[in-house]
Amino acid sequence: MLSRTWSPHVQIRRVGVLVALTLAFATVPGIAEADHSGNAAAEAAQAIQAARDRANAAAQAMFDAESELDHLTLEIADAETELAAVEAQASDMRAGLQQDALRSFANSGTAIPLLIDLDEANDKITANRLALVAHGSAAVQLDDFDVVMDEVRAARANLERRQKTTTQARQNFEDLQERAENEIVRLAEVEKERVLDEQVQHELQRQREARQQQQAAAAAAASRAVSSASSTGSASSTGSASSSGAQSNSNSGSGGGASAAPTNSGSPAPSASPVSPAPVPSSPAPSNAGSGIVCPVSGPRAFANTWGAPRSGGRSHEGVDMMSPGGTPLVAVEAGSVQFKTTRLGGNSVWLNGASGTRYFYAHLSGWAGSSRSVSRGEVIGYVGNTGNTTANHLHFEVHPGGGRAVNPYPYVAAVC
């Protein structure tokens, strides 16, 4: 995430969110466990999942806005580079015109007209006076200078437009972050009220698996529909070509006829995206990669699929961002060994070398639990924070199957969180 300087009202709002989260996590006497007989566990799981869905949707909107903001930041850097280049060109040409004017009036005794500032260098009066005193190619140079000054003005206007758009995008991001943080507060309250015990956890997993099966069935049906449409299109195209060939045979008496090639490959068209993600190379995932893992965040969380989203500095996002209140425990998703380190972008970070051979990366922690060591699955290894290149409390989580390049971790966490 981007490093930003927050306004006082945003800082106050963030303190308010932390207070609300503290109250949401406070222990309430008499709510140690719930009666989940009959359909109570299913109803509690449905309420919790609905709150998680709202929080995830809010997180997705916030992270999409962050990607757009990062994209605009890159565009501003390009616009600033373009402006600097044309301003340097204009400055060089202005110096050349001044030298031409000096040579023209060296022995004339006429007062030398001074060029005005760069912003007004193409003023009509100044241009006319220079044209009168310049010789040879000077008039041509003046025309070129006028063109370059048009480019300077256009580049400045382009930069100002992008800066205005970025200011609006930053405000939109802050508003969406407030909404996402508020949804996390509500989620924490729902999970506390409904009591997230073993029965409810089991029911949540059952409902999650049922939803995934429905999504897989819907995707398969959509794929069959596309294939069917492709086959129909191919048959229609072939039939038209055959008819055309038959007509040609009856007219010309020749025995040959050309058949048309199918025009539809049967592959679904890629969905449109407001921001084109930069390509991120990935390695094939081993069959056991991420199998049997647990959710890395042991508490209320919201996450979104941000794989490949553009990031400042020309980078691409290679993880999944999981929002959670600061201080929420983070656990080892599988047994293995952990190494703790601090990096510029990731802040307090953890590399978990899983027993399966898969490596996992945790970033932005507020602190670690213990020191580098061997760990068991579900063991606390740190706590959610906002260290490194970020402002919001969240976990940046990566999956590296076989210890190789990162792959999209969203399906891994969606299956267990």
Protein backbone atom coordinates (compact mmCIF):
# COMPACT_ATOMS: atom_id res chain seq x y z
CA MET A 1 0.00 0.00 0.00
CA LEU A 2 1.01 3.62 -0.46
CA SER A 3 2.75 5.72 2.17
CA ARG A 4 0.61 8.79 2.83
CA THR A 5 0.43 11.75 5.16
CA TRP A 6 -3.02 11.71 6.72
CA SER A 7 -5.01 14.83 7.54
CA PRO A 8 -5.95 15.51 11.22
CA HIS A 9 -9.60 14.50 10.69
CA VAL A 10 -8.49 11.17 9.24
CA GLN A 11 -6.18 10.58 12.21
CA ILE A 12 -9.06 11.31 14.61
CA ARG A 13 -11.33 8.97 12.69
CA ARG A 14 -8.74 6.17 12.83
CA VAL A 15 -8.43 6.58 16.61
CA GLY A 16 -12.21 6.26 16.83
CA VAL A 17 -12.10 3.02 14.87
CA LEU A 18 -9.48 1.60 17.23
CA VAL A 19 -11.63 2.51 20.23
CA ALA A 20 -14.65 0.84 18.63
CA LEU A 21 -12.62 -2.29 17.92
CA THR A 22 -11.41 -2.39 21.52
CA LEU A 23 -15.00 -2.24 22.74
CA ALA A 24 -16.04 -4.90 20.22
CA PHE A 25 -13.40 -7.29 21.54
CA ALA A 26 -14.17 -6.58 25.21
CA THR A 27 -15.23 -9.60 27.23
CA VAL A 28 -18.90 -9.56 28.17
CA PRO A 29 -19.85 -11.60 31.29
CA GLY A 30 -22.23 -14.45 30.57
CA ILE A 31 -21.28 -14.89 26.89
CA ALA A 32 -18.76 -17.67 27.14
CA GLU A 33 -20.62 -20.08 24.88
CA ALA A 34 -23.89 -20.22 23.01
CA ASP A 35 -26.71 -22.72 22.70
CA HIS A 36 -26.39 -23.97 19.14
CA SER A 37 -28.93 -26.74 19.28
CA GLY A 38 -31.16 -27.34 16.28
CA ASN A 39 -30.65 -24.75 13.52
CA ALA A 40 -28.98 -22.20 15.80
CA ALA A 41 -25.45 -23.01 14.55
CA ALA A 42 -26.55 -22.67 10.92
CA GLU A 43 -28.28 -19.36 11.63
CA ALA A 44 -25.25 -18.03 13.51
CA ALA A 45 -22.95 -19.11 10.66
CA GLN A 46 -25.21 -17.39 8.11
CA ALA A 47 -25.15 -14.13 10.09
CA ILE A 48 -21.37 -14.27 10.46
CA GLN A 49 -20.85 -15.11 6.79
CA ALA A 50 -23.12 -12.25 5.74
CA ALA A 51 -21.04 -9.86 7.87
CA ARG A 52 -17.86 -11.29 6.34
CA ASP A 53 -19.26 -10.84 2.84
CA ARG A 54 -20.01 -7.18 3.56
CA ALA A 55 -16.54 -6.67 4.98
CA ASN A 56 -14.92 -8.44 2.02
CA ALA A 57 -16.89 -6.31 -0.45
CA ALA A 58 -15.81 -3.15 1.37
CA ALA A 59 -12.20 -4.36 1.38
CA GLN A 60 -12.36 -5.13 -2.35
CA ALA A 61 -13.65 -1.62 -3.08
CA MET A 62 -10.93 -0.08 -0.91
CA PHE A 63 -8.10 -2.09 -2.46
CA ASP A 64 -9.42 -1.38 -5.98
CA ALA A 65 -9.34 2.32 -5.12
CA GLU A 66 -5.80 1.89 -3.82
CA SER A 67 -4.74 0.27 -7.10
CA GLU A 68 -6.25 3.16 -9.03
CA LEU A 69 -4.43 5.62 -6.77
CA ASP A 70 -1.13 3.82 -7.33
CA HIS A 71 -1.78 3.81 -11.08
CA LEU A 72 -2.42 7.57 -11.03
CA THR A 73 0.79 8.07 -9.03
CA LEU A 74 2.72 6.36 -11.81
CA GLU A 75 1.01 8.55 -14.41
CA ILE A 76 1.91 11.71 -12.47
CA ALA A 77 5.57 10.64 -12.42
CA ASP A 78 5.46 10.18 -16.20
CA ALA A 79 3.75 13.56 -16.66
CA GLU A 80 6.38 15.27 -14.51
CA THR A 81 9.16 13.66 -16.57
CA GLU A 82 7.51 14.80 -19.80
CA LEU A 83 7.11 18.36 -18.50
CA ALA A 84 10.72 18.55 -17.35
CA ALA A 85 11.90 17.41 -20.79
CA VAL A 86 9.92 20.00 -22.78
CA GLU A 87 10.81 22.77 -20.31
CA ALA A 88 14.49 21.94 -20.72
CA GLN A 89 14.09 22.02 -24.50
CA ALA A 90 12.32 25.39 -24.31
CA SER A 91 15.05 26.77 -22.05
CA ASP A 92 17.77 25.71 -24.51
CA MET A 93 15.91 27.26 -27.45
CA ARG A 94 15.34 30.49 -25.50
CA ALA A 95 19.06 30.77 -24.84
CA GLY A 96 19.73 30.27 -28.56
CA LEU A 97 17.30 33.00 -29.51
CA GLN A 98 18.94 35.39 -27.07
CA GLN A 99 22.31 34.72 -28.71
CA ASP A 100 20.79 35.41 -32.15
CA ALA A 101 19.40 38.71 -30.90
CA LEU A 102 22.76 39.68 -29.41
CA ARG A 103 24.55 38.98 -32.68
CA SER A 104 21.95 40.90 -34.68
CA PHE A 105 22.39 44.05 -32.61
CA ALA A 106 26.09 43.75 -31.83
CA ASN A 107 27.05 46.81 -33.93
CA SER A 108 23.71 48.43 -34.64
CA GLY A 109 23.47 50.70 -31.60
CA THR A 110 19.85 49.73 -31.22
CA ALA A 111 18.56 48.70 -27.83
CA ILE A 112 18.39 44.92 -27.44
CA PRO A 113 14.87 43.65 -26.65
CA LEU A 114 14.85 41.40 -23.59
CA LEU A 115 13.04 38.10 -23.72
CA ILE A 116 10.36 37.81 -21.12
CA ASP A 117 9.91 34.88 -18.69
CA LEU A 118 9.50 31.35 -19.97
CA ASP A 119 5.76 31.29 -19.29
CA GLU A 120 5.25 34.34 -21.52
CA ALA A 121 8.04 33.74 -24.02
CA ASN A 122 5.65 33.31 -26.93
CA ASP A 123 3.82 36.56 -26.25
CA LYS A 124 2.84 38.10 -29.61
CA ILE A 125 4.59 41.41 -28.98
CA THR A 126 7.85 39.77 -28.01
CA ALA A 127 7.60 37.37 -30.95
CA ASN A 128 7.07 40.25 -33.42
CA ARG A 129 10.05 42.24 -32.09
CA LEU A 130 12.32 39.21 -32.27
CA ALA A 131 11.17 38.46 -35.79
CA LEU A 132 12.10 41.99 -36.86
CA VAL A 133 15.64 41.87 -35.48
CA ALA A 134 16.57 38.24 -36.19
CA HIS A 135 18.40 37.18 -39.35
CA GLY A 136 18.56 34.01 -41.41
CA SER A 137 17.31 30.99 -39.51
CA ALA A 138 16.35 32.96 -36.40
CA ALA A 139 12.74 33.39 -37.61
CA VAL A 140 12.50 29.64 -38.14
CA GLN A 141 13.93 29.07 -34.67
CA LEU A 142 11.33 31.40 -33.22
CA ASP A 143 8.54 29.39 -34.87
CA ASP A 144 10.02 26.21 -33.41
CA PHE A 145 10.23 27.88 -30.01
CA ASP A 146 6.56 28.80 -30.22
CA VAL A 147 5.68 25.15 -30.94
CA VAL A 148 7.74 23.96 -27.98
CA MET A 149 6.06 26.49 -25.70
CA ASP A 150 2.69 25.09 -26.79
CA GLU A 151 4.00 21.67 -25.73
CA VAL A 152 5.08 23.12 -22.37
CA ARG A 153 1.61 24.51 -21.73
CA ALA A 154 -0.01 21.24 -22.78
CA ALA A 155 2.30 19.22 -20.52
CA ARG A 156 1.58 21.50 -17.57
CA ALA A 157 -2.17 21.25 -18.15
CA ASN A 158 -1.88 17.46 -18.38
CA LEU A 159 0.02 17.32 -15.09
CA GLU A 160 -2.51 19.58 -13.36
CA ARG A 161 -5.40 17.39 -14.56
CA ARG A 162 -3.73 14.25 -13.26
CA GLN A 163 -2.93 15.90 -9.93
CA LYS A 164 -6.56 16.96 -9.55
CA THR A 165 -7.75 13.43 -10.43
CA THR A 166 -5.28 11.96 -7.94
CA THR A 167 -6.51 14.26 -5.17
CA GLN A 168 -10.06 13.08 -5.81
CA ALA A 169 -8.92 9.45 -5.95
CA ARG A 170 -7.09 9.81 -2.64
CA GLN A 171 -10.22 11.20 -0.98
CA ASN A 172 -12.24 8.33 -2.44
CA PHE A 173 -9.70 5.84 -1.09
CA GLU A 174 -9.84 7.37 2.40
CA ASP A 175 -13.66 7.23 2.36
CA LEU A 176 -13.62 3.58 1.28
CA GLN A 177 -10.99 2.76 3.90
CA GLU A 178 -13.25 4.25 6.58
CA ARG A 179 -16.13 2.14 5.29
CA ALA A 180 -14.00 -1.03 5.27
CA GLU A 181 -12.74 -0.39 8.80
CA ASN A 182 -16.30 0.17 10.00
CA GLU A 183 -17.36 -3.13 8.43
CA ILE A 184 -14.52 -4.85 10.31
CA VAL A 185 -15.89 -3.35 13.54
CA ARG A 186 -19.37 -4.68 12.73
CA LEU A 187 -17.93 -8.08 11.85
CA ALA A 188 -16.12 -8.25 15.20
CA GLU A 189 -19.37 -7.41 16.97
CA VAL A 190 -21.32 -10.07 15.07
CA GLU A 191 -18.70 -12.74 15.72
CA LYS A 192 -18.70 -11.85 19.44
CA GLU A 193 -22.51 -11.86 19.69
CA ARG A 194 -22.93 -15.10 17.76
CA VAL A 195 -20.01 -16.84 19.53
CA LEU A 196 -17.63 -18.34 16.98
CA ASP A 197 -17.39 -21.74 18.64
CA GLU A 198 -16.55 -25.14 17.14
CA GLN A 199 -20.12 -25.82 15.98
CA VAL A 200 -20.33 -22.51 14.13
CA GLN A 201 -16.85 -22.94 12.66
CA HIS A 202 -17.90 -26.33 11.30
CA GLU A 203 -21.09 -24.86 9.84
CA LEU A 204 -19.16 -21.96 8.28
CA GLN A 205 -16.83 -24.43 6.58
CA ARG A 206 -19.78 -26.48 5.34
CA GLN A 207 -21.48 -23.38 3.91
CA ARG A 208 -18.19 -22.22 2.38
CA GLU A 209 -17.69 -25.55 0.62
CA ALA A 210 -21.29 -25.53 -0.62
CA ARG A 211 -20.80 -22.02 -2.02
CA GLN A 212 -17.57 -23.05 -3.76
CA GLN A 213 -19.35 -26.04 -5.33
CA GLN A 214 -22.11 -23.74 -6.58
CA GLN A 215 -19.55 -21.34 -8.05
CA ALA A 216 -17.69 -24.22 -9.72
CA ALA A 217 -20.96 -25.54 -11.17
CA ALA A 218 -21.88 -22.07 -12.45
CA ALA A 219 -18.45 -21.67 -14.04
CA ALA A 220 -18.73 -25.10 -15.69
CA ALA A 221 -22.20 -24.24 -17.03
CA ALA A 222 -20.90 -20.94 -18.42
CA SER A 223 -18.01 -22.76 -20.09
CA ARG A 224 -20.40 -25.28 -21.65
CA ALA A 225 -22.59 -22.44 -22.92
CA VAL A 226 -19.60 -20.78 -24.55
CA SER A 227 -18.51 -24.06 -26.12
CA SER A 228 -22.04 -24.71 -27.37
CA ALA A 229 -22.25 -21.24 -28.89
CA SER A 230 -18.88 -21.81 -30.52
CA SER A 231 -19.99 -25.13 -31.98
CA THR A 232 -23.21 -23.59 -33.28
CA GLY A 233 -21.27 -20.74 -34.84
CA SER A 234 -18.84 -23.15 -36.49
CA ALA A 235 -21.65 -25.31 -37.88
CA SER A 236 -23.45 -22.26 -39.20
CA SER A 237 -20.28 -20.97 -40.83
CA THR A 238 -19.56 -24.35 -42.40
CA GLY A 239 -23.13 -24.68 -43.63
CA SER A 240 -23.00 -21.26 -45.26
CA ALA A 241 -19.76 -22.12 -46.97
CA SER A 242 -21.22 -25.43 -48.23
CA SER A 243 -24.28 -23.67 -49.61
CA SER A 244 -22.06 -21.15 -51.30
CA GLY A 245 -20.00 -23.97 -52.80
CA ALA A 246 -23.11 -25.78 -54.01
CA GLN A 247 -24.41 -22.62 -55.62
CA SER A 248 -21.06 -22.12 -57.29
CA ASN A 249 -21.10 -25.70 -58.58
CA SER A 250 -24.53 -25.28 -60.14
CA ASN A 251 -23.47 -22.09 -61.85
CA SER A 252 -20.02 -23.06 -63.05
CA GLY A 253 -20.17 -26.83 -63.22
CA SER A 254 -16.95 -27.20 -61.26
CA GLY A 255 -16.65 -29.88 -58.60
CA GLY A 256 -14.83 -27.79 -55.94
CA GLY A 257 -16.17 -25.74 -53.04
CA ALA A 258 -14.36 -23.90 -50.15
CA SER A 259 -15.50 -24.27 -46.52
CA ALA A 260 -15.18 -21.31 -44.14
CA ALA A 261 -13.09 -21.62 -40.99
CA PRO A 262 -14.82 -21.19 -37.59
CA THR A 263 -14.72 -17.62 -36.37
CA ASN A 264 -15.14 -18.39 -32.65
CA SER A 265 -12.37 -20.15 -30.77
CA GLY A 266 -14.63 -21.05 -27.86
CA SER A 267 -12.48 -19.19 -25.31
CA PRO A 268 -14.25 -16.71 -23.04
CA ALA A 269 -13.32 -13.07 -23.61
CA PRO A 270 -11.27 -11.57 -20.78
CA SER A 271 -13.28 -9.35 -18.46
CA ALA A 272 -12.64 -5.61 -18.53
CA SER A 273 -10.72 -3.97 -15.71
CA PRO A 274 -10.48 -0.27 -14.79
CA VAL A 275 -6.77 -0.66 -14.18
CA SER A 276 -4.63 -2.95 -16.36
CA PRO A 277 -2.62 -5.13 -13.96
CA ALA A 278 1.06 -5.55 -14.66
CA PRO A 279 2.01 -9.13 -15.60
CA VAL A 280 3.26 -11.24 -12.71
CA PRO A 281 5.12 -14.45 -13.58
CA SER A 282 3.95 -17.50 -11.65
CA SER A 283 5.11 -21.06 -11.25
CA PRO A 284 2.89 -24.15 -11.46
CA ALA A 285 1.59 -25.03 -8.01
CA PRO A 286 2.55 -28.50 -6.71
CA SER A 287 -0.46 -30.67 -5.91
CA ASN A 288 0.17 -30.35 -2.17
CA ALA A 289 0.76 -26.58 -2.18
CA GLY A 290 -1.36 -24.97 0.51
CA SER A 291 -3.22 -28.20 1.29
CA GLY A 292 -4.37 -28.50 4.87
CA ILE A 293 -3.51 -24.92 5.78
CA VAL A 294 -5.41 -22.78 8.28
CA CYS A 295 -6.34 -19.12 7.95
CA PRO A 296 -3.29 -16.92 8.69
CA VAL A 297 -5.43 -14.32 10.54
CA SER A 298 -6.88 -15.56 13.83
CA GLY A 299 -9.64 -12.99 14.25
CA PRO A 300 -12.01 -10.75 12.26
CA ARG A 301 -10.68 -10.22 8.74
CA ALA A 302 -11.71 -8.98 5.32
CA PHE A 303 -9.77 -9.61 2.14
CA ALA A 304 -9.92 -9.08 -1.61
CA ASN A 305 -8.40 -10.51 -4.77
CA THR A 306 -5.70 -7.95 -5.58
CA TRP A 307 -3.28 -10.24 -7.41
CA GLY A 308 -1.29 -8.43 -10.11
CA ALA A 309 -2.64 -4.97 -9.25
CA PRO A 310 -0.22 -2.13 -10.12
CA ARG A 311 1.83 -0.66 -7.31
CA SER A 312 4.01 2.46 -7.02
CA GLY A 313 7.50 2.10 -8.43
CA GLY A 314 6.23 -0.02 -11.33
CA ARG A 315 5.74 -3.08 -9.10
CA SER A 316 2.88 -5.59 -9.21
CA HIS A 317 1.00 -6.93 -6.21
CA GLU A 318 2.01 -10.53 -5.53
CA GLY A 319 -0.10 -11.27 -2.48
CA VAL A 320 -3.51 -10.96 -0.88
CA ASP A 321 -4.22 -8.09 1.53
CA MET A 322 -6.21 -9.14 4.60
CA MET A 323 -7.63 -6.30 6.72
CA SER A 324 -7.88 -6.91 10.46
CA PRO A 325 -7.63 -4.81 13.62
CA GLY A 326 -4.11 -3.99 14.77
CA GLY A 327 -2.82 -6.59 17.20
CA THR A 328 -4.91 -9.48 15.84
CA PRO A 329 -2.87 -12.70 16.16
CA LEU A 330 -1.30 -14.18 13.03
CA VAL A 331 -0.64 -17.91 12.94
CA ALA A 332 1.49 -20.34 10.96
CA VAL A 333 -0.72 -21.70 8.19
CA GLU A 334 1.17 -24.99 8.30
CA ALA A 335 3.94 -26.58 10.35
CA GLY A 336 7.50 -25.59 9.47
CA SER A 337 10.07 -23.01 10.45
CA VAL A 338 9.86 -19.21 10.57
CA GLN A 339 12.45 -16.50 10.06
CA PHE A 340 11.71 -12.95 11.20
CA LYS A 341 13.16 -9.92 9.42
CA THR A 342 12.48 -6.26 8.70
CA THR A 343 12.33 -4.87 5.15
CA ARG A 344 11.70 -1.40 3.74
CA LEU A 345 8.42 -2.27 1.99
CA GLY A 346 7.17 -5.11 4.19
CA GLY A 347 8.16 -3.71 7.57
CA ASN A 348 8.16 -6.45 10.19
CA SER A 349 7.96 -9.61 8.07
CA VAL A 350 7.96 -13.39 8.41
CA TRP A 351 9.04 -16.14 6.03
CA LEU A 352 7.40 -19.47 6.85
CA ASN A 353 9.06 -22.50 5.26
CA GLY A 354 6.24 -25.04 5.31
CA ALA A 355 6.79 -28.77 5.76
CA SER A 356 5.11 -29.27 2.36
CA GLY A 357 7.89 -27.29 0.67
CA THR A 358 5.66 -24.25 0.14
CA ARG A 359 6.93 -20.91 1.45
CA TYR A 360 4.66 -18.21 2.84
CA PHE A 361 5.41 -14.51 3.34
CA TYR A 362 3.72 -12.31 5.98
CA ALA A 363 4.27 -8.52 5.92
CA HIS A 364 3.40 -5.30 7.83
CA LEU A 365 3.30 -6.97 11.27
CA SER A 366 3.17 -4.78 14.37
CA GLY A 367 5.44 -7.30 16.10
CA TRP A 368 6.54 -10.92 16.25
CA ALA A 369 5.69 -13.67 18.74
CA GLY A 370 8.93 -15.18 19.98
CA SER A 371 11.91 -15.56 17.68
CA SER A 372 12.87 -17.48 14.54
CA ARG A 373 12.12 -21.15 15.26
CA SER A 374 10.24 -24.30 14.30
CA VAL A 375 6.47 -23.91 14.58
CA SER A 376 3.36 -26.06 14.48
CA ARG A 377 0.28 -25.34 12.40
CA GLY A 378 -1.88 -22.66 14.04
CA GLU A 379 0.90 -21.41 16.32
CA VAL A 380 0.93 -17.63 16.84
CA ILE A 381 3.91 -16.05 15.07
CA GLY A 382 3.02 -12.34 15.10
CA TYR A 383 0.37 -9.65 15.12
CA VAL A 384 -1.41 -7.51 12.51
CA GLY A 385 0.08 -4.03 12.07
CA ASN A 386 0.91 -1.32 9.55
CA THR A 387 4.73 -1.27 9.43
CA GLY A 388 6.60 -0.75 6.17
CA ASN A 389 5.05 0.83 3.08
CA THR A 390 1.43 1.05 4.26
CA THR A 391 -0.94 3.06 6.42
CA ALA A 392 -3.75 0.58 7.15
CA ASN A 393 -3.63 -2.33 9.57
CA HIS A 394 -3.57 -5.44 7.42
CA LEU A 395 -1.61 -8.57 6.54
CA HIS A 396 0.08 -8.89 3.16
CA PHE A 397 0.22 -12.66 2.56
CA GLU A 398 2.05 -14.51 -0.22
CA VAL A 399 2.21 -18.17 -1.29
CA HIS A 400 5.32 -19.58 -3.03
CA PRO A 401 4.70 -23.22 -4.04
CA GLY A 402 7.86 -25.29 -3.89
CA GLY A 403 9.71 -22.21 -2.71
CA GLY A 404 9.48 -20.71 -6.22
CA ARG A 405 7.70 -17.66 -7.58
CA ALA A 406 4.55 -16.36 -5.98
CA VAL A 407 1.13 -17.53 -7.15
CA ASN A 408 -2.24 -15.93 -6.50
CA PRO A 409 -2.94 -16.67 -2.82
CA TYR A 410 -6.58 -15.59 -2.93
CA PRO A 411 -7.98 -19.09 -3.66
CA TYR A 412 -5.92 -20.48 -0.75
CA VAL A 413 -7.25 -18.07 1.85
CA ALA A 414 -10.78 -18.04 0.41
CA ALA A 415 -10.94 -21.77 1.09
CA VAL A 416 -10.07 -21.49 4.79
CA CYS A 417 -10.84 -17.94 5.96
